[in-house]
PDB file of N, CA and C in Angstrom:
ATOM      1  N   ILE A   1      -8.929  -1.500  -0.924  1.00  0.00           N
ATOM      2  CA  ILE A   1      -9.481  -0.972  -2.113  1.00  0.00           C
ATOM      3  C   ILE A   1      -8.515  -0.702  -3.063  1.00  0.00           C
ATOM      4  N   ALA A   2      -9.056  -1.382  -4.286  1.00  0.00           N
ATOM      5  CA  ALA A   2      -7.806  -0.559  -5.290  1.00  0.00           C
ATOM      6  C   ALA A   2      -8.832  -0.201  -6.409  1.00  0.00           C
ATOM      7  N   ARG A   3      -8.418   0.982  -7.443  1.00  0.00           N
ATOM      8  CA  ARG A   3      -8.800   1.279  -8.058  1.00  0.00           C
ATOM      9  C   ARG A   3      -7.972   1.823  -8.976  1.00  0.00           C
ATOM     10  N   LYS A   4      -8.252   2.050 -10.161  1.00  0.00           N
ATOM     11  CA  LYS A   4      -7.618   2.102 -11.615  1.00  0.00           C
ATOM     12  C   LYS A   4      -7.977   3.720 -11.979  1.00  0.00           C
ATOM     13  N   GLU A   5      -6.823   4.213 -12.503  1.00  0.00           N
ATOM     14  CA  GLU A   5      -7.408   5.463 -12.871  1.00  0.00           C
ATOM     15  C   GLU A   5      -7.662   5.521 -14.390  1.00  0.00           C
ATOM     16  N   LYS A   6      -8.641   6.167 -14.759  1.00  0.00           N
ATOM     17  CA  LYS A   6      -9.146   6.049 -16.037  1.00  0.00           C
ATOM     18  C   LYS A   6      -7.971   6.835 -16.942  1.00  0.00           C
ATOM     19  N   GLN A   7      -7.762   6.419 -17.992  1.00  0.00           N
ATOM     20  CA  GLN A   7      -6.796   6.999 -19.431  1.00  0.00           C
ATOM     21  C   GLN A   7      -5.286   6.593 -18.953  1.00  0.00           C
ATOM     22  N   THR A   8      -5.117   6.456 -17.773  1.00  0.00           N
ATOM     23  CA  THR A   8      -3.386   6.189 -17.336  1.00  0.00           C
ATOM     24  C   THR A   8      -3.195   4.978 -17.105  1.00  0.00           C
ATOM     25  N   GLY A   9      -4.183   4.350 -16.766  1.00  0.00           N
ATOM     26  CA  GLY A   9      -3.794   2.780 -16.377  1.00  0.00           C
ATOM     27  C   GLY A   9      -2.806   2.593 -15.112  1.00  0.00           C
ATOM     28  N   ASN A  10      -2.781   4.044 -14.254  1.00  0.00           N
ATOM     29  CA  ASN A  10      -2.185   3.776 -12.830  1.00  0.00           C
ATOM     30  C   ASN A  10      -3.295   3.568 -12.274  1.00  0.00           C
ATOM     31  N   TRP A  11      -2.914   2.939 -10.826  1.00  0.00           N
ATOM     32  CA  TRP A  11      -3.528   2.399  -9.679  1.00  0.00           C
ATOM     33  C   TRP A  11      -3.024   3.227  -8.434  1.00  0.00           C
ATOM     34  N   PHE A  12      -4.504   2.966  -7.665  1.00  0.00           N
ATOM     35  CA  PHE A  12      -4.144   3.576  -5.960  1.00  0.00           C
ATOM     36  C   PHE A  12      -4.527   2.570  -5.313  1.00  0.00           C
ATOM     37  N   VAL A  13      -3.999   1.796  -4.070  1.00  0.00           N
ATOM     38  CA  VAL A  13      -4.417   0.814  -3.254  1.00  0.00           C
ATOM     39  C   VAL A  13      -4.296   1.390  -2.170  1.00  0.00           C
ATOM     40  N   GLY A  14      -5.003   0.914  -0.996  1.00  0.00           N
ATOM     41  CA  GLY A  14      -5.089   1.522   0.334  1.00  0.00           C
ATOM     42  C   GLY A  14      -6.288   0.770   1.242  1.00  0.00           C
ATOM     43  N   GLY A  15      -6.039   0.955   2.559  1.00  0.00           N
ATOM     44  CA  GLY A  15      -6.478   0.062   3.741  1.00  0.00           C
ATOM     45  C   GLY A  15      -6.034   0.810   4.666  1.00  0.00           C
ATOM     46  N   ILE A  16      -7.016   0.614   5.529  1.00  0.00           N
ATOM     47  CA  ILE A  16      -7.248   0.996   6.744  1.00  0.00           C
ATOM     48  C   ILE A  16      -7.627  -0.158   7.941  1.00  0.00           C
ATOM     49  N   THR A  17      -7.453   0.020   9.502  1.00  0.00           N
ATOM     50  CA  THR A  17      -7.844  -0.668  10.568  1.00  0.00           C
ATOM     51  C   THR A  17      -8.561  -0.248  11.861  1.00  0.00           C
ATOM     52  N   ASP A  18      -9.140  -0.859  12.657  1.00  0.00           N
ATOM     53  CA  ASP A  18      -9.327  -0.048  13.768  1.00  0.00           C
ATOM     54  C   ASP A  18      -8.757  -0.103  14.793  1.00  0.00           C
ATOM     55  N   GLU A  19      -9.121  -0.132  16.216  1.00  0.00           N
ATOM     56  CA  GLU A  19      -8.161   0.224  17.257  1.00  0.00           C
ATOM     57  C   GLU A  19      -7.220  -1.629  17.318  1.00  0.00           C
ATOM     58  N   ASN A  20      -7.979  -2.481  16.249  1.00  0.00           N
ATOM     59  CA  ASN A  20      -6.782  -3.709  16.265  1.00  0.00           C
ATOM     60  C   ASN A  20      -5.884  -3.593  15.301  1.00  0.00           C
ATOM     61  N   PRO A  21      -4.270  -3.998  15.640  1.00  0.00           N
ATOM     62  CA  PRO A  21      -3.172  -4.121  14.564  1.00  0.00           C
ATOM     63  C   PRO A  21      -3.268  -5.151  13.939  1.00  0.00           C
ATOM     64  N   ARG A  22      -3.321  -5.101  12.387  1.00  0.00           N
ATOM     65  CA  ARG A  22      -3.293  -6.578  11.492  1.00  0.00           C
ATOM     66  C   ARG A  22      -1.686  -6.369  10.545  1.00  0.00           C
ATOM     67  N   SER A  23      -2.074  -7.315   9.513  1.00  0.00           N
ATOM     68  CA  SER A  23      -1.117  -7.646   8.772  1.00  0.00           C
ATOM     69  C   SER A  23      -1.957  -7.872   7.863  1.00  0.00           C
ATOM     70  N   HIS A  24      -1.922  -7.549   6.686  1.00  0.00           N
ATOM     71  CA  HIS A  24      -2.349  -7.841   5.250  1.00  0.00           C
ATOM     72  C   HIS A  24      -1.367  -8.206   4.209  1.00  0.00           C
ATOM     73  N   ASN A  25      -1.578  -9.394   3.639  1.00  0.00           N
ATOM     74  CA  ASN A  25      -1.176  -9.953   2.645  1.00  0.00           C
ATOM     75  C   ASN A  25      -1.086  -9.438   1.351  1.00  0.00           C
ATOM     76  N   LEU A  26      -0.996  -8.339   0.274  1.00  0.00           N
ATOM     77  CA  LEU A  26      -1.544  -7.814  -0.665  1.00  0.00           C
ATOM     78  C   LEU A  26      -0.932  -8.612  -1.661  1.00  0.00           C
ATOM     79  N   GLU A  27      -1.483  -8.981  -2.736  1.00  0.00           N
ATOM     80  CA  GLU A  27      -1.468  -9.554  -3.768  1.00  0.00           C
ATOM     81  C   GLU A  27      -1.828  -8.945  -5.071  1.00  0.00           C
ATOM     82  N   PHE A  28      -0.415  -8.639  -6.278  1.00  0.00           N
ATOM     83  CA  PHE A  28      -1.013  -7.777  -7.150  1.00  0.00           C
ATOM     84  C   PHE A  28      -1.540  -8.375  -8.589  1.00  0.00           C
ATOM     85  N   ASP A  29      -2.244  -9.426  -8.432  1.00  0.00           N
ATOM     86  CA  ASP A  29      -2.679  -9.899  -9.498  1.00  0.00           C
ATOM     87  C   ASP A  29      -3.477  -9.348 -10.413  1.00  0.00           C
ATOM     88  N   PHE A  30      -3.782  -8.263 -10.204  1.00  0.00           N
ATOM     89  CA  PHE A  30      -4.945  -7.388 -11.045  1.00  0.00           C
ATOM     90  C   PHE A  30      -4.262  -6.454 -12.258  1.00  0.00           C
ATOM     91  N   LEU A  31      -3.162  -6.304 -11.887  1.00  0.00           N
ATOM     92  CA  LEU A  31      -1.904  -5.594 -12.769  1.00  0.00           C
ATOM     93  C   LEU A  31      -2.038  -6.026 -14.324  1.00  0.00           C
ATOM     94  N   GLU A  32      -1.526  -5.248 -15.146  1.00  0.00           N
ATOM     95  CA  GLU A  32      -1.509  -6.029 -16.908  1.00  0.00           C
ATOM     96  C   GLU A  32      -0.396  -6.637 -16.698  1.00  0.00           C
ATOM     97  N   ASP A  33      -0.082  -8.450 -17.137  1.00  0.00           N
ATOM     98  CA  ASP A  33       0.784  -8.798 -17.599  1.00  0.00           C
ATOM     99  C   ASP A  33       1.629  -7.862 -18.269  1.00  0.00           C
ATOM    100  N   SER A  34       2.851  -8.507 -18.240  1.00  0.00           N
ATOM    101  CA  SER A  34       4.293  -7.660 -18.717  1.00  0.00           C
ATOM    102  C   SER A  34       4.622  -6.198 -18.454  1.00  0.00           C
ATOM    103  N   GLN A  35       3.596  -5.813 -17.235  1.00  0.00           N
ATOM    104  CA  GLN A  35       3.850  -4.504 -17.167  1.00  0.00           C
ATOM    105  C   GLN A  35       4.802  -4.099 -15.717  1.00  0.00           C
ATOM    106  N   VAL A  36       5.646  -3.128 -15.547  1.00  0.00           N
ATOM    107  CA  VAL A  36       6.394  -2.711 -14.377  1.00  0.00           C
ATOM    108  C   VAL A  36       5.659  -1.541 -13.773  1.00  0.00           C
ATOM    109  N   TYR A  37       5.672  -1.805 -12.820  1.00  0.00           N
ATOM    110  CA  TYR A  37       5.090  -0.529 -12.187  1.00  0.00           C
ATOM    111  C   TYR A  37       5.815  -0.170 -11.007  1.00  0.00           C
ATOM    112  N   GLU A  38       6.160   1.455 -11.023  1.00  0.00           N
ATOM    113  CA  GLU A  38       6.928   2.225  -9.693  1.00  0.00           C
ATOM    114  C   GLU A  38       5.594   2.343  -8.627  1.00  0.00           C
ATOM    115  N   ALA A  39       5.803   1.840  -7.941  1.00  0.00           N
ATOM    116  CA  ALA A  39       4.747   1.826  -6.304  1.00  0.00           C
ATOM    117  C   ALA A  39       5.273   2.540  -5.349  1.00  0.00           C
ATOM    118  N   ILE A  40       4.385   3.921  -4.793  1.00  0.00           N
ATOM    119  CA  ILE A  40       4.872   4.524  -3.645  1.00  0.00           C
ATOM    120  C   ILE A  40       4.295   3.520  -2.326  1.00  0.00           C
ATOM    121  N   VAL A  41       4.651   3.400  -1.859  1.00  0.00           N
ATOM    122  CA  VAL A  41       4.021   3.004  -0.540  1.00  0.00           C
ATOM    123  C   VAL A  41       4.057   3.549   0.838  1.00  0.00           C
ATOM    124  N   TYR A  42       3.079   4.361   1.486  1.00  0.00           N
ATOM    125  CA  TYR A  42       3.212   5.222   2.572  1.00  0.00           C
ATOM    126  C   TYR A  42       2.197   4.160   3.250  1.00  0.00           C
ATOM    127  N   LYS A  43       3.058   3.607   4.638  1.00  0.00           N
ATOM    128  CA  LYS A  43       2.582   2.881   5.412  1.00  0.00           C
ATOM    129  C   LYS A  43       3.111   3.063   7.175  1.00  0.00           C
ATOM    130  N   ASP A  44       2.116   2.861   8.044  1.00  0.00           N
ATOM    131  CA  ASP A  44       2.714   3.297   9.330  1.00  0.00           C
ATOM    132  C   ASP A  44       4.307   2.403   9.519  1.00  0.00           C
ATOM    133  N   GLY A  45       4.851   3.430  10.758  1.00  0.00           N
ATOM    134  CA  GLY A  45       6.062   3.105  11.073  1.00  0.00           C
ATOM    135  C   GLY A  45       6.088   2.083  12.260  1.00  0.00           C
ATOM    136  N   ALA A  46       7.210   1.285  12.469  1.00  0.00           N
ATOM    137  CA  ALA A  46       7.134   0.709  13.876  1.00  0.00           C
ATOM    138  C   ALA A  46       6.517   0.835  14.847  1.00  0.00           C
ATOM    139  N   ASN A  47       6.561   2.315  15.579  1.00  0.00           N
ATOM    140  CA  ASN A  47       6.158   2.592  16.501  1.00  0.00           C
ATOM    141  C   ASN A  47       4.734   3.888  16.468  1.00  0.00           C
ATOM    142  N   ALA A  48       4.197   3.278  14.962  1.00  0.00           N
ATOM    143  CA  ALA A  48       2.568   3.994  15.153  1.00  0.00           C
ATOM    144  C   ALA A  48       1.930   3.520  15.811  1.00  0.00           C
ATOM    145  N   HIS A  49       0.924   4.469  16.749  1.00  0.00           N
ATOM    146  CA  HIS A  49      -0.025   4.050  17.180  1.00  0.00           C
ATOM    147  C   HIS A  49      -1.328   5.308  17.057  1.00  0.00           C
ATOM    148  N   TRP A  50      -2.534   5.260  16.899  1.00  0.00           N
ATOM    149  CA  TRP A  50      -3.364   6.295  16.644  1.00  0.00           C
ATOM    150  C   TRP A  50      -3.387   7.028  17.439  1.00  0.00           C
ATOM    151  N   ASN A  51      -3.216   7.084  18.601  1.00  0.00           N
ATOM    152  CA  ASN A  51      -3.222   8.951  19.589  1.00  0.00           C
ATOM    153  C   ASN A  51      -1.893   9.287  20.067  1.00  0.00           C
ATOM    154  N   ASP A  52      -0.945   7.699  20.314  1.00  0.00           N
ATOM    155  CA  ASP A  52       0.043   7.937  20.871  1.00  0.00           C
ATOM    156  C   ASP A  52       1.454   8.246  19.974  1.00  0.00           C
ATOM    157  N   ASN A  53       1.296   8.355  18.390  1.00  0.00           N
ATOM    158  CA  ASN A  53       2.145   8.190  17.751  1.00  0.00           C
ATOM    159  C   ASN A  53       1.731   8.425  16.343  1.00  0.00           C
ATOM    160  N   PRO A  54       0.757   9.426  15.674  1.00  0.00           N
ATOM    161  CA  PRO A  54      -0.117   9.036  15.354  1.00  0.00           C
ATOM    162  C   PRO A  54       0.791   9.505  13.426  1.00  0.00           C
ATOM    163  N   LEU A  55       1.998  10.203  13.717  1.00  0.00           N
ATOM    164  CA  LEU A  55       2.777  10.893  12.624  1.00  0.00           C
ATOM    165  C   LEU A  55       3.685  10.200  12.132  1.00  0.00           C
ATOM    166  N   ASP A  56       4.246   8.764  12.860  1.00  0.00           N
ATOM    167  CA  ASP A  56       5.008   7.853  12.473  1.00  0.00           C
ATOM    168  C   ASP A  56       4.505   6.875  11.078  1.00  0.00           C
ATOM    169  N   LEU A  57       5.358   7.293  10.011  1.00  0.00           N
ATOM    170  CA  LEU A  57       5.075   7.018   8.602  1.00  0.00           C
ATOM    171  C   LEU A  57       6.207   6.696   7.972  1.00  0.00           C
ATOM    172  N   VAL A  58       6.413   5.663   7.181  1.00  0.00           N
ATOM    173  CA  VAL A  58       7.387   5.051   6.540  1.00  0.00           C
ATOM    174  C   VAL A  58       6.758   5.394   4.734  1.00  0.00           C
ATOM    175  N   ILE A  59       7.910   6.115   3.898  1.00  0.00           N
ATOM    176  CA  ILE A  59       7.831   6.202   2.611  1.00  0.00           C
ATOM    177  C   ILE A  59       8.629   5.544   2.263  1.00  0.00           C
ATOM    178  N   GLU A  60       8.356   4.633   0.931  1.00  0.00           N
ATOM    179  CA  GLU A  60       8.872   3.463   0.112  1.00  0.00           C
ATOM    180  C   GLU A  60       8.962   3.661  -1.256  1.00  0.00           C
ATOM    181  N   ARG A  61       9.571   3.163  -2.241  1.00  0.00           N
ATOM    182  CA  ARG A  61       9.702   3.284  -3.083  1.00  0.00           C
ATOM    183  C   ARG A  61       9.991   1.583  -3.646  1.00  0.00           C
ATOM    184  N   ILE A  62       9.588   0.796  -4.118  1.00  0.00           N
ATOM    185  CA  ILE A  62       9.518  -0.579  -5.233  1.00  0.00           C
ATOM    186  C   ILE A  62       8.747  -0.413  -6.352  1.00  0.00           C
ATOM    187  N   GLU A  63       9.728  -1.506  -7.318  1.00  0.00           N
ATOM    188  CA  GLU A  63       9.049  -2.065  -7.996  1.00  0.00           C
ATOM    189  C   GLU A  63       8.027  -2.881  -8.454  1.00  0.00           C
ATOM    190  N   VAL A  64       7.195  -3.111  -9.092  1.00  0.00           N
ATOM    191  CA  VAL A  64       6.123  -4.407  -8.424  1.00  0.00           C
ATOM    192  C   VAL A  64       5.491  -4.863 -10.020  1.00  0.00           C
ATOM    193  N   HIS A  65       5.034  -5.936 -10.206  1.00  0.00           N
ATOM    194  CA  HIS A  65       4.501  -6.334 -11.333  1.00  0.00           C
ATOM    195  C   HIS A  65       2.967  -7.618 -10.778  1.00  0.00           C
ATOM    196  N   LYS A  66       2.489  -7.787 -11.974  1.00  0.00           N
ATOM    197  CA  LYS A  66       1.903  -9.041 -11.793  1.00  0.00           C
ATOM    198  C   LYS A  66       2.038 -10.068 -10.851  1.00  0.00           C
ATOM    199  N   GLY A  67       1.344 -10.456  -9.839  1.00  0.00           N
ATOM    200  CA  GLY A  67       1.461 -11.765  -9.303  1.00  0.00           C
ATOM    201  C   GLY A  67       2.737 -11.163  -7.973  1.00  0.00           C
ATOM    202  N   PHE A  68       3.122  -9.873  -8.032  1.00  0.00           N
ATOM    203  CA  PHE A  68       4.019  -9.668  -6.650  1.00  0.00           C
ATOM    204  C   PHE A  68       3.039  -9.874  -5.703  1.00  0.00           C
ATOM    205  N   LYS A  69       3.726  -9.676  -4.191  1.00  0.00           N
ATOM    206  CA  LYS A  69       3.223 -10.001  -3.073  1.00  0.00           C
ATOM    207  C   LYS A  69       4.125  -8.702  -2.247  1.00  0.00           C
ATOM    208  N   LEU A  70       3.529  -8.310  -1.815  1.00  0.00           N
ATOM    209  CA  LEU A  70       3.707  -7.234  -0.325  1.00  0.00           C
ATOM    210  C   LEU A  70       2.710  -7.865   0.986  1.00  0.00           C
ATOM    211  N   LYS A  71       3.663  -7.815   1.997  1.00  0.00           N
ATOM    212  CA  LYS A  71       3.401  -7.652   3.565  1.00  0.00           C
ATOM    213  C   LYS A  71       3.268  -6.218   4.121  1.00  0.00           C
ATOM    214  N   VAL A  72       1.995  -6.132   4.441  1.00  0.00           N
ATOM    215  CA  VAL A  72       1.950  -4.418   4.897  1.00  0.00           C
ATOM    216  C   VAL A  72       1.563  -4.475   6.694  1.00  0.00           C
ATOM    217  N   ASP A  73       1.872  -4.379   7.625  1.00  0.00           N
ATOM    218  CA  ASP A  73       1.320  -4.455   8.744  1.00  0.00           C
ATOM    219  C   ASP A  73       1.072  -3.128   9.401  1.00  0.00           C
ATOM    220  N   LEU A  74      -0.571  -3.142   9.735  1.00  0.00           N
ATOM    221  CA  LEU A  74      -1.219  -1.911  10.065  1.00  0.00           C
ATOM    222  C   LEU A  74      -1.268  -2.077  11.608  1.00  0.00           C
ATOM    223  N   LYS A  75      -0.674  -0.585  12.135  1.00  0.00           N
ATOM    224  CA  LYS A  75      -0.794  -0.396  13.553  1.00  0.00           C
ATOM    225  C   LYS A  75      -2.367  -0.211  13.978  1.00  0.00           C
ATOM    226  N   GLU A  76      -2.005  -0.183  15.195  1.00  0.00           N
ATOM    227  CA  GLU A  76      -3.529   0.295  15.745  1.00  0.00           C
ATOM    228  C   GLU A  76      -4.091   1.580  15.235  1.00  0.00           C
ATOM    229  N   GLY A  77      -5.531   1.776  14.774  1.00  0.00           N
ATOM    230  CA  GLY A  77      -6.065   2.601  14.026  1.00  0.00           C
ATOM    231  C   GLY A  77      -5.220   3.462  12.724  1.00  0.00           C
ATOM    232  N   GLY A  78      -4.397   2.390  12.113  1.00  0.00           N
ATOM    233  CA  GLY A  78      -3.490   2.924  10.855  1.00  0.00           C
ATOM    234  C   GLY A  78      -3.999   1.953   9.657  1.00  0.00           C
ATOM    235  N   GLY A  79      -3.059   2.492   8.753  1.00  0.00           N
ATOM    236  CA  GLY A  79      -3.663   2.199   7.473  1.00  0.00           C
ATOM    237  C   GLY A  79      -2.420   2.196   6.605  1.00  0.00           C
ATOM    238  N   PHE A  80      -2.783   2.165   5.337  1.00  0.00           N
ATOM    239  CA  PHE A  80      -1.798   2.416   4.013  1.00  0.00           C
ATOM    240  C   PHE A  80      -2.106   2.832   3.044  1.00  0.00           C
ATOM    241  N   ALA A  81      -1.121   3.699   2.382  1.00  0.00           N
ATOM    242  CA  ALA A  81      -1.644   4.058   0.835  1.00  0.00           C
ATOM    243  C   ALA A  81      -0.705   3.448  -0.331  1.00  0.00           C
ATOM    244  N   ILE A  82      -0.929   3.539  -1.563  1.00  0.00           N
ATOM    245  CA  ILE A  82      -0.090   3.045  -2.411  1.00  0.00           C
ATOM    246  C   ILE A  82      -0.365   3.392  -3.428  1.00  0.00           C
ATOM    247  N   SER A  83       0.739   4.275  -4.595  1.00  0.00           N
ATOM    248  CA  SER A  83       0.125   4.979  -5.436  1.00  0.00           C
ATOM    249  C   SER A  83       0.991   3.895  -6.810  1.00  0.00           C
ATOM    250  N   LEU A  84       0.855   3.512  -7.621  1.00  0.00           N
ATOM    251  CA  LEU A  84       1.046   2.322  -8.651  1.00  0.00           C
ATOM    252  C   LEU A  84       1.316   3.328  -9.851  1.00  0.00           C
ATOM    253  N   LYS A  85       2.316   3.611 -10.557  1.00  0.00           N
ATOM    254  CA  LYS A  85       2.423   4.214 -12.017  1.00  0.00           C
ATOM    255  C   LYS A  85       3.382   3.216 -12.943  1.00  0.00           C
ATOM    256  N   LYS A  86       2.570   3.163 -14.377  1.00  0.00           N
ATOM    257  CA  LYS A  86       3.291   2.581 -15.096  1.00  0.00           C
ATOM    258  C   LYS A  86       4.783   2.939 -15.375  1.00  0.00           C
ATOM    259  N   LYS A  87       5.702   2.320 -15.546  1.00  0.00           N
ATOM    260  CA  LYS A  87       7.320   2.812 -15.733  1.00  0.00           C
ATOM    261  C   LYS A  87       7.354   2.687 -17.319  1.00  0.00           C
TER     262      LYS A  87
END
């Protein structure tokens, strides 16, 4: 799901999965043209598991723009959250 914050133009994106791991290719085609955003990505770590290792978390800061693509791997029972703020 993606949600735009009123008045700021910042975005929040998130997703979850069930007991099945998944990979998802996110496309940031909803962002404004010619605008760069700082993205803080919270995602499952390499050894994350809903029961055995629920706190394995990776936090990354990247720059994104309209048309940017990002592959996110969701572990069993995991998910991701992204905060996008205009630079």
